[in-house]
Amino acid sequence: MSKLIVNTIEAQTYKYDSDTTSMTIDNAGRIVTEDVRPAFKAWKNQNNWSLSAGDVFVFDSTEFNVGSCYDTSNGKFTAPRDGIYHFNYYTIYNGNAGNDWISLRKNGNRIKGGDLHFSTPTGGNWDTISSSTLLQLSSGDEITMVAGTAHTYHGNNWSEFSGFFVG
């Protein structure tokens, strides 16, 4: 049988990044876990906006961005740690859509189940597009929402890109 003898316990804080504490050990040696689960909810702060094929949807405002993992300047979510993440998006579009699509991408690449096709032969109405998925990510993986085809979308209360760490 082994015996562990400790004379001094020093309080220590461990962080995911400079702003997010993951665990704290107090002077009594107790582990106080502050399990921060990265999460964000972003939207576009304007009404109509047009994207060309291959453009990233850059949602430039956030309601929350726990862990600062979503970048409002380039539309990228960067996973701070390994695990399963859930992503959701919705938007509305106007005009004819005949074989249009949106793609959720991992590190710039299309993923299985990441493309969403939409068609509306009679334009003039606002129609909804939405999708959600679970992805297994490694720390540093980047997720973006990309326009597969050119189209005009609506921002403000009519669009959202969100995600969170599941475990």
Foldseek 3Di string as FASTA:
>chain_A
DDDDDDDWDDWDWDALDPPGTAWIQDRVRDIDGPHFKWKWKFWAPFFKDKDAAFAFPQRQDTPDTGPVQADNVRQKGFASAWAKKKKKKKWKFFDFFDFWWKFKDKQSHGDVVGIDTDGDHDTDDIDMDMDMDMDGDGGGIMITMGTNHIGMITIDPGIMIMMIGDD
